[in-house]
């Protein structure tokens, strides 16, 4: 497992350059209409603070632990969007059995992780978007720490931190700064 792209961004956000980079248009006018943020017909009575987007492609080997690390955050004003990128592992059925109304699944034909992130952004209802790969693990305070940094620098478009690389048994292999 390698922690990939874990960051907090202000919508509108467009993922570019394979799966490692995100950029923010200079103005709302520059954003494509389908990525313009929450719809006025939000299912929520108010906008939540964060939408966590997790792209998935046949990810059920790692996803339960990943999702647990997200759902047990010390910060709790968020939704989780699992983007099924055309997998065949029964993600929607598994997620439906969770019984957690913070978690929802959107599906697309297989188009790759960047397209999956873009669909997650387009589906997001939060003020901010956080990305978590389906084999990542977040420390319990990840969102609190990212939000604190964002609140200190509200002009920032993206907040990100270092990550630890772990092997398949969860053992650290080194730190990437």
Protein backbone atom coordinates (compact mmCIF):
# COMPACT_ATOMS: atom_id res chain seq x y z
CA UNK A 1 0.00 0.00 0.00
CA UNK A 2 1.20 3.46 -0.81
CA UNK A 3 -0.60 6.53 0.33
CA UNK A 4 -1.28 8.32 -2.91
CA UNK A 5 -3.06 11.63 -3.19
CA UNK A 6 -4.41 12.72 0.19
CA UNK A 7 -5.23 16.37 0.13
CA UNK A 8 -7.97 18.87 0.87
CA UNK A 9 -9.11 21.14 -1.96
CA UNK A 10 -11.62 23.91 -2.50
CA UNK A 11 -14.11 23.17 -5.27
CA UNK A 12 -14.18 23.72 -8.15
CA UNK A 13 -11.24 21.37 -8.59
CA UNK A 14 -10.15 19.53 -11.73
CA UNK A 15 -7.80 16.60 -11.52
CA UNK A 16 -5.12 16.62 -14.21
CA UNK A 17 -1.84 14.91 -15.16
CA UNK A 18 -2.69 11.24 -14.55
CA UNK A 19 -3.45 10.89 -10.85
CA UNK A 20 -0.95 12.94 -8.87
CA UNK A 21 -1.81 16.57 -9.43
CA UNK A 22 -4.75 18.84 -8.90
CA UNK A 23 -5.21 22.43 -9.90
CA UNK A 24 -7.84 25.01 -9.19
CA UNK A 25 -9.22 27.31 -11.85
CA UNK A 26 -8.54 31.00 -11.21
CA UNK A 27 -12.19 31.94 -11.03
CA UNK A 28 -15.62 30.35 -10.78
CA UNK A 29 -16.10 31.32 -14.44
CA UNK A 30 -13.19 29.08 -15.42
CA UNK A 31 -14.81 25.98 -13.90
CA UNK A 32 -16.67 23.55 -16.12
CA UNK A 33 -20.37 23.56 -15.32
CA UNK A 34 -20.37 19.91 -14.26
CA UNK A 35 -17.69 20.58 -11.60
CA UNK A 36 -19.18 23.78 -10.19
CA UNK A 37 -19.86 22.34 -6.74
CA UNK A 38 -22.95 21.39 -4.77
CA UNK A 39 -26.31 21.49 -6.51
CA UNK A 40 -29.04 23.70 -5.12
CA UNK A 41 -31.13 20.56 -4.62
CA UNK A 42 -28.74 19.12 -2.04
CA UNK A 43 -30.00 16.16 -0.08
CA UNK A 44 -28.66 17.80 3.04
CA UNK A 45 -30.34 20.67 4.86
CA UNK A 46 -27.00 22.47 4.96
CA UNK A 47 -23.72 22.01 3.19
CA UNK A 48 -21.36 19.74 5.05
CA UNK A 49 -17.76 20.82 5.43
CA UNK A 50 -15.96 18.00 3.58
CA UNK A 51 -16.66 15.46 0.86
CA UNK A 52 -14.18 12.57 0.94
CA UNK A 53 -13.73 11.07 -2.53
CA UNK A 54 -12.40 7.50 -2.75
CA UNK A 55 -11.87 6.13 -6.28
CA UNK A 56 -12.35 2.35 -6.34
CA UNK A 57 -11.59 -0.35 -8.88
CA UNK A 58 -11.93 -3.89 -7.50
CA UNK A 59 -10.73 -2.51 -4.17
CA UNK A 60 -12.56 -4.60 -1.61
CA UNK A 61 -9.33 -6.22 -0.44
CA UNK A 62 -8.21 -2.91 1.12
CA UNK A 63 -11.33 -0.75 1.21
CA UNK A 64 -12.87 -1.92 4.52
CA UNK A 65 -9.79 -0.81 6.45
CA UNK A 66 -9.50 2.38 4.40
CA UNK A 67 -13.12 3.30 4.95
CA UNK A 68 -12.86 2.53 8.66
CA UNK A 69 -9.92 4.95 8.91
CA UNK A 70 -12.06 7.65 7.28
CA UNK A 71 -15.26 7.00 9.22
CA UNK A 72 -13.43 7.12 12.57
CA UNK A 73 -12.01 10.61 12.06
CA UNK A 74 -12.13 12.95 15.05
CA UNK A 75 -13.75 15.49 12.70
CA UNK A 76 -17.22 14.32 11.72
CA UNK A 77 -18.89 16.81 9.35
CA UNK A 78 -18.24 14.89 6.12
CA UNK A 79 -19.65 12.54 3.51
CA UNK A 80 -17.81 9.73 1.75
CA UNK A 81 -18.21 9.18 -1.98
CA UNK A 82 -17.00 5.79 -3.18
CA UNK A 83 -16.52 6.07 -6.93
CA UNK A 84 -16.85 2.63 -8.53
CA UNK A 85 -14.69 2.83 -11.65
CA UNK A 86 -16.35 -0.10 -13.41
CA UNK A 87 -15.15 -2.79 -11.03
CA UNK A 88 -16.68 -6.24 -10.65
CA UNK A 89 -16.22 -6.80 -6.91
CA UNK A 90 -19.73 -5.89 -5.72
CA UNK A 91 -18.78 -2.53 -4.21
CA UNK A 92 -22.32 -1.11 -4.25
CA UNK A 93 -23.81 -4.14 -2.47
CA UNK A 94 -21.02 -4.12 0.11
CA UNK A 95 -21.43 -0.39 0.76
CA UNK A 96 -25.21 -0.80 1.04
CA UNK A 97 -24.70 -3.27 3.87
CA UNK A 98 -22.68 -0.74 5.88
CA UNK A 99 -25.79 1.12 7.03
CA UNK A 100 -23.92 4.44 7.27
CA UNK A 101 -25.74 7.33 5.60
CA UNK A 102 -22.46 9.25 5.27
CA UNK A 103 -21.34 6.76 2.60
CA UNK A 104 -22.67 6.66 -0.94
CA UNK A 105 -21.56 5.03 -4.17
CA UNK A 106 -21.48 6.55 -7.65
CA UNK A 107 -20.55 4.38 -10.61
CA UNK A 108 -18.97 4.92 -14.00
CA UNK A 109 -17.66 2.67 -16.75
CA UNK A 110 -13.95 2.06 -16.26
CA UNK A 111 -12.20 5.30 -17.18
CA UNK A 112 -9.29 5.41 -14.73
CA UNK A 113 -8.55 6.99 -11.40
CA UNK A 114 -8.46 10.61 -12.63
CA UNK A 115 -11.90 10.32 -14.23
CA UNK A 116 -13.15 8.64 -11.05
CA UNK A 117 -11.87 11.56 -8.97
CA UNK A 118 -13.56 14.00 -11.35
CA UNK A 119 -16.88 12.16 -10.97
CA UNK A 120 -16.39 12.26 -7.19
CA UNK A 121 -15.82 16.02 -7.34
CA UNK A 122 -18.91 16.49 -9.51
CA UNK A 123 -20.93 14.46 -6.97
CA UNK A 124 -19.54 16.23 -3.91
CA UNK A 125 -21.81 18.28 -1.68
CA UNK A 126 -19.19 19.50 0.78
CA UNK A 127 -17.54 22.91 0.95
CA UNK A 128 -14.17 21.16 0.54
CA UNK A 129 -13.06 17.94 -1.15
CA UNK A 130 -10.59 15.48 0.39
CA UNK A 131 -9.07 12.66 -1.67
CA UNK A 132 -8.24 9.23 -0.27
CA UNK A 133 -7.08 6.30 -2.38
CA UNK A 134 -8.84 2.99 -1.74
CA UNK A 135 -5.71 1.45 -0.21
CA UNK A 136 -4.81 4.44 2.00
CA UNK A 137 -5.16 4.66 5.75
CA UNK A 138 -5.75 7.99 7.47
CA UNK A 139 -4.68 8.69 11.02
CA UNK A 140 -7.75 9.57 13.12
CA UNK A 141 -6.88 13.29 13.16
CA UNK A 142 -6.14 13.65 9.42
CA UNK A 143 -9.18 15.80 8.59
CA UNK A 144 -8.82 17.90 11.75
CA UNK A 145 -5.18 18.62 10.90
CA UNK A 146 -5.91 19.41 7.24
CA UNK A 147 -8.83 21.68 8.17
CA UNK A 148 -6.77 23.50 10.79
CA UNK A 149 -4.10 24.19 8.16
CA UNK A 150 -6.75 25.27 5.67
CA UNK A 151 -8.39 27.57 8.23
CA UNK A 152 -4.99 29.19 8.88
CA UNK A 153 -4.50 29.72 5.13
CA UNK A 154 -7.99 30.14 3.61
CA UNK A 155 -6.50 31.57 0.41
CA UNK A 156 -4.86 28.20 -0.31
CA UNK A 157 -6.43 26.06 -3.01
CA UNK A 158 -4.89 22.78 -1.80
CA UNK A 159 -3.61 21.55 1.56
CA UNK A 160 -1.59 18.33 1.72
CA UNK A 161 0.84 16.58 4.02
CA UNK A 162 3.47 13.87 4.02
CA UNK A 163 2.60 10.21 3.96
CA UNK A 164 4.06 6.98 5.26
CA UNK A 165 4.63 4.11 2.84
CA UNK A 166 3.59 0.74 4.27
CA UNK A 167 3.80 -2.78 2.90
CA UNK A 168 0.94 -5.26 2.44
CA UNK A 169 1.18 -6.22 6.12
CA UNK A 170 0.88 -2.59 7.23
CA UNK A 171 4.53 -2.25 8.24
CA UNK A 172 6.20 1.11 7.56
CA UNK A 173 8.86 1.09 4.87
CA UNK A 174 9.86 4.75 5.20
CA UNK A 175 8.52 8.27 5.31
CA UNK A 176 8.08 10.50 2.30
CA UNK A 177 8.13 14.20 3.19
